[in-house]
C-alpha cells in the first residue's frame, strides 16, 4: 500500500513540474497551449484529482513558483547498459551532483552529454483506446504527420509513435480527428537492446530505482533487453 502511495505521490509531483514547465512556455489556458493539454490528459490517465491539476496551474502562475528546466543526463549502468535520465529541476547544481552520486553508488558510470544519447531515438508516443479505430486506416491517415509506427501494448491499447519534431503535428492531427489519447509522452527508444542475465538485470534495476526515487528525476530510459 505504501509503495502504491509513494508511486502515486511521485506521479503527482512529476505532473506538477510538467504543468509548471508547460505554463511557463505557453501560458495557463489549455485551449491555446497544446503542451498543457497533453500534460492534463496524462494526469487524468492515472486519476490525478481535477482540483490538484487546477491548483498546479494556479501555482505555476504565481510569482514565487520555482522555474523548472528539463535537463537530460547520460551514463552507463552496470554491465554496459546505457541509461538516459530526464529531469525537471530548479537547481542544476544539486541535480547533477545527485544523479552522479546515484550512478556511482549504483555501480554505474556517469557520462558527458552525448555519451549514450546516440544509442537512442527520440520519439513521441500516443496511447489510444482501440475502440472504433481501424489500424490500417489510422496508419494511412497519420503518415503525413510524421508517423513512424503503429502497434499495440500488452493491454491492447493502440500505440502511435512519431518523430520528436513531429510531436505537435501528431497531437494536432489526432485532436482534429476527434481522438483523445489516454496519455502521450516523449520517449527515448533504444536503437538496439542488450541482453543480460537475470542476476545482472537486478543490478541495473537497483540503479534505475535509485534514480527514479530522486525528486528531480522525471523518467529513466535504458537499452536493456
Protein backbone atom coordinates (compact mmCIF):
# COMPACT_ATOMS: atom_id res chain seq x y z
CA UNK A 1 0.00 0.00 0.00
CA UNK A 2 2.78 2.40 0.94
CA UNK A 3 4.64 1.59 -2.30
CA UNK A 4 1.48 2.38 -4.26
CA UNK A 5 1.05 5.67 -2.38
CA UNK A 6 4.71 6.60 -2.99
CA UNK A 7 4.32 5.84 -6.68
CA UNK A 8 1.18 7.98 -6.90
CA UNK A 9 2.84 10.83 -4.98
CA UNK A 10 5.79 10.67 -7.38
CA UNK A 11 3.44 10.76 -10.39
CA UNK A 12 1.59 13.80 -8.99
CA UNK A 13 4.90 15.56 -8.29
CA UNK A 14 6.15 14.79 -11.81
CA UNK A 15 2.97 16.15 -13.40
CA UNK A 16 3.11 19.26 -11.20
CA UNK A 17 6.55 20.06 -12.61
CA UNK A 18 5.42 19.31 -16.17
CA UNK A 19 2.48 21.69 -15.69
CA UNK A 20 4.86 24.38 -14.39
CA UNK A 21 7.09 23.95 -17.47
CA UNK A 22 4.08 23.95 -19.84
CA UNK A 23 2.55 27.09 -18.30
CA UNK A 24 5.91 28.87 -18.40
CA UNK A 25 6.29 28.05 -22.11
CA UNK A 26 2.73 28.51 -23.35
CA UNK A 27 0.50 30.12 -20.73
CA UNK A 28 -2.23 28.76 -18.41
CA UNK A 29 -5.01 28.17 -20.97
CA UNK A 30 -5.15 24.56 -22.20
CA UNK A 31 -7.18 25.61 -25.27
CA UNK A 32 -4.20 27.60 -26.59
CA UNK A 33 -1.41 25.55 -25.01
CA UNK A 34 -1.08 22.06 -26.56
CA UNK A 35 1.73 21.10 -24.17
CA UNK A 36 -0.51 21.84 -21.19
CA UNK A 37 -3.38 19.86 -22.78
CA UNK A 38 -1.07 16.87 -23.12
CA UNK A 39 0.09 17.05 -19.51
CA UNK A 40 -3.51 17.37 -18.26
CA UNK A 41 -4.55 14.29 -20.28
CA UNK A 42 -1.70 12.32 -18.74
CA UNK A 43 -2.71 13.47 -15.25
CA UNK A 44 -6.25 12.21 -15.82
CA UNK A 45 -4.93 8.84 -17.03
CA UNK A 46 -3.74 8.00 -13.52
CA UNK A 47 -6.65 9.67 -11.71
CA UNK A 48 -4.97 12.87 -10.52
CA UNK A 49 -7.85 14.89 -8.99
CA UNK A 50 -9.10 17.83 -11.05
CA UNK A 51 -8.61 20.25 -8.15
CA UNK A 52 -4.95 19.25 -7.88
CA UNK A 53 -4.45 19.85 -11.61
CA UNK A 54 -6.08 23.28 -11.32
CA UNK A 55 -4.02 24.09 -8.23
CA UNK A 56 -0.83 23.17 -10.07
CA UNK A 57 -1.75 25.50 -12.94
CA UNK A 58 -2.54 28.30 -10.47
CA UNK A 59 0.75 27.71 -8.62
CA UNK A 60 2.67 27.82 -11.90
CA UNK A 61 1.34 31.33 -12.49
CA UNK A 62 2.50 32.59 -9.08
CA UNK A 63 5.46 34.94 -8.70
CA UNK A 64 7.11 32.73 -6.07
CA UNK A 65 6.89 29.50 -8.03
CA UNK A 66 10.05 27.60 -8.96
CA UNK A 67 11.23 27.76 -12.55
CA UNK A 68 11.86 24.21 -13.70
CA UNK A 69 14.07 23.30 -16.62
CA UNK A 70 14.18 19.93 -18.35
CA UNK A 71 17.74 18.58 -18.31
CA UNK A 72 18.95 15.26 -19.74
CA UNK A 73 21.73 13.27 -18.05
CA UNK A 74 23.50 10.26 -19.50
CA UNK A 75 25.58 7.37 -18.26
CA UNK A 76 26.08 3.64 -18.01
CA UNK A 77 24.52 1.24 -15.55
CA UNK A 78 26.40 -1.92 -14.54
CA UNK A 79 27.11 -4.46 -17.33
CA UNK A 80 27.33 -1.81 -20.07
CA UNK A 81 23.66 -0.80 -20.10
CA UNK A 82 23.15 2.74 -21.42
CA UNK A 83 20.88 4.99 -19.34
CA UNK A 84 19.22 8.34 -20.08
CA UNK A 85 17.80 10.32 -17.15
CA UNK A 86 15.22 13.04 -17.84
CA UNK A 87 14.98 15.58 -15.00
CA UNK A 88 12.94 18.67 -14.21
CA UNK A 89 14.99 20.85 -11.91
CA UNK A 90 15.12 24.31 -10.37
CA UNK A 91 18.73 23.74 -9.28
CA UNK A 92 21.01 22.02 -11.80
CA UNK A 93 23.97 22.07 -9.39
CA UNK A 94 22.01 19.92 -6.93
CA UNK A 95 20.58 17.67 -9.62
CA UNK A 96 23.84 16.87 -11.42
CA UNK A 97 25.51 16.08 -8.08
CA UNK A 98 22.67 13.76 -7.07
CA UNK A 99 22.50 11.99 -10.44
CA UNK A 100 26.26 11.43 -10.48
CA UNK A 101 26.06 10.10 -6.92
CA UNK A 102 23.28 7.65 -7.90
CA UNK A 103 25.34 6.33 -10.81
CA UNK A 104 28.47 5.92 -8.68
CA UNK A 105 26.70 4.31 -5.71
CA UNK A 106 24.67 2.09 -8.03
CA UNK A 107 27.75 0.64 -9.70
CA UNK A 108 27.36 2.70 -12.86
CA UNK A 109 29.35 5.44 -14.56
CA UNK A 110 28.00 8.95 -15.17
CA UNK A 111 28.72 10.23 -18.67
CA UNK A 112 29.02 13.52 -20.50
CA UNK A 113 26.33 14.97 -22.77
CA UNK A 114 26.13 12.87 -25.94
CA UNK A 115 27.94 9.86 -24.44
CA UNK A 116 24.98 7.48 -24.83
CA UNK A 117 22.25 9.60 -26.45
CA UNK A 118 23.25 8.40 -29.92
CA UNK A 119 22.16 4.88 -28.89
CA UNK A 120 18.53 6.06 -28.62
CA UNK A 121 15.89 7.61 -30.85
CA UNK A 122 13.79 10.49 -29.51
CA UNK A 123 10.13 9.75 -30.32
CA UNK A 124 6.67 10.95 -29.43
CA UNK A 125 4.30 8.26 -28.12
CA UNK A 126 0.49 8.42 -28.03
CA UNK A 127 -1.53 5.73 -26.26
CA UNK A 128 -5.05 5.41 -27.72
CA UNK A 129 -8.15 3.40 -26.84
CA UNK A 130 -8.67 0.78 -29.58
CA UNK A 131 -12.48 1.14 -29.76
CA UNK A 132 -13.60 2.49 -33.12
CA UNK A 133 -10.11 2.58 -34.62
CA UNK A 134 -9.06 0.76 -37.77
CA UNK A 135 -5.30 0.24 -37.61
CA UNK A 136 -4.77 0.26 -41.38
CA UNK A 137 -6.85 3.41 -41.89
CA UNK A 138 -5.16 5.12 -38.94
CA UNK A 139 -1.73 4.39 -40.37
CA UNK A 140 -2.65 5.87 -43.74
CA UNK A 141 -4.28 8.95 -42.19
CA UNK A 142 -1.34 9.76 -39.92
CA UNK A 143 1.60 9.05 -42.22
CA UNK A 144 1.70 12.68 -43.38
CA UNK A 145 2.05 13.86 -39.76
CA UNK A 146 5.33 12.12 -39.02
CA UNK A 147 4.05 8.66 -38.15
CA UNK A 148 6.89 6.18 -37.56
CA UNK A 149 4.95 3.15 -36.34
CA UNK A 150 1.61 1.89 -35.07
CA UNK A 151 1.33 -1.04 -32.68
CA UNK A 152 -0.32 -2.35 -29.53
CA UNK A 153 0.80 -2.60 -25.92
CA UNK A 154 0.24 -5.55 -23.58
CA UNK A 155 -3.16 -4.12 -22.52
CA UNK A 156 -4.44 -3.93 -26.09
CA UNK A 157 -4.15 -0.16 -26.36
CA UNK A 158 -3.03 1.33 -29.68
CA UNK A 159 0.45 2.87 -29.58
CA UNK A 160 1.29 5.56 -32.14
CA UNK A 161 4.89 6.79 -32.41
CA UNK A 162 6.20 9.76 -34.35
CA UNK A 163 9.46 11.68 -34.64
CA UNK A 164 10.29 14.07 -31.80
CA UNK A 165 9.97 17.12 -34.06
CA UNK A 166 6.55 15.92 -35.31
CA UNK A 167 5.05 15.57 -31.82
CA UNK A 168 2.99 18.78 -32.06
CA UNK A 169 1.75 17.95 -35.57
CA UNK A 170 0.68 14.47 -34.46
CA UNK A 171 -1.10 15.81 -31.38
CA UNK A 172 -2.99 18.30 -33.55
CA UNK A 173 -3.86 15.64 -36.15
CA UNK A 174 -5.33 13.32 -33.50
CA UNK A 175 -7.32 16.19 -31.97
CA UNK A 176 -8.73 17.15 -35.38
CA UNK A 177 -9.82 13.54 -35.90
CA UNK A 178 -11.63 13.60 -32.54
CA UNK A 179 -9.20 11.12 -30.96
CA UNK A 180 -8.29 11.87 -27.35
CA UNK A 181 -5.17 9.93 -26.24
CA UNK A 182 -5.18 8.10 -22.92
CA UNK A 183 -1.70 9.56 -22.49
CA UNK A 184 1.19 10.88 -24.55
CA UNK A 185 4.88 11.22 -23.82
CA UNK A 186 8.24 11.95 -25.36
CA UNK A 187 10.31 8.77 -25.12
CA UNK A 188 13.89 7.71 -25.79
CA UNK A 189 13.70 4.35 -27.56
CA UNK A 190 16.92 2.29 -27.82
CA UNK A 191 18.08 1.58 -31.38
CA UNK A 192 19.33 -1.81 -30.16
CA UNK A 193 18.89 -3.64 -26.86
CA UNK A 194 21.47 -5.60 -24.85
CA UNK A 195 20.55 -8.98 -23.41
CA UNK A 196 21.93 -9.72 -19.95
CA UNK A 197 21.26 -12.35 -17.29
CA UNK A 198 18.53 -12.00 -14.65
CA UNK A 199 21.18 -11.56 -11.97
CA UNK A 200 22.86 -8.77 -13.95
CA UNK A 201 19.47 -7.17 -14.65
CA UNK A 202 18.87 -6.91 -10.89
CA UNK A 203 21.98 -4.73 -10.61
CA UNK A 204 20.65 -2.46 -13.35
CA UNK A 205 17.18 -2.23 -11.80
CA UNK A 206 18.69 -1.24 -8.46
CA UNK A 207 20.36 1.77 -10.11
CA UNK A 208 17.20 2.66 -12.05
CA UNK A 209 15.19 2.51 -8.81
CA UNK A 210 17.71 4.81 -7.11
CA UNK A 211 17.37 7.31 -9.93
CA UNK A 212 13.57 7.12 -10.08
CA UNK A 213 13.28 7.84 -6.36
CA UNK A 214 15.11 11.16 -6.79
CA UNK A 215 12.69 14.09 -6.59
CA UNK A 216 14.23 15.78 -9.65
CA UNK A 217 14.01 12.72 -11.91
CA UNK A 218 11.01 12.51 -14.27
CA UNK A 219 11.86 9.47 -16.43
CA UNK A 220 14.63 6.88 -16.83
CA UNK A 221 15.23 5.13 -20.16
CA UNK A 222 17.67 2.26 -20.86
CA UNK A 223 18.68 -0.21 -23.57
CA UNK A 224 18.44 -3.39 -21.54
CA UNK A 225 16.67 -6.15 -23.48
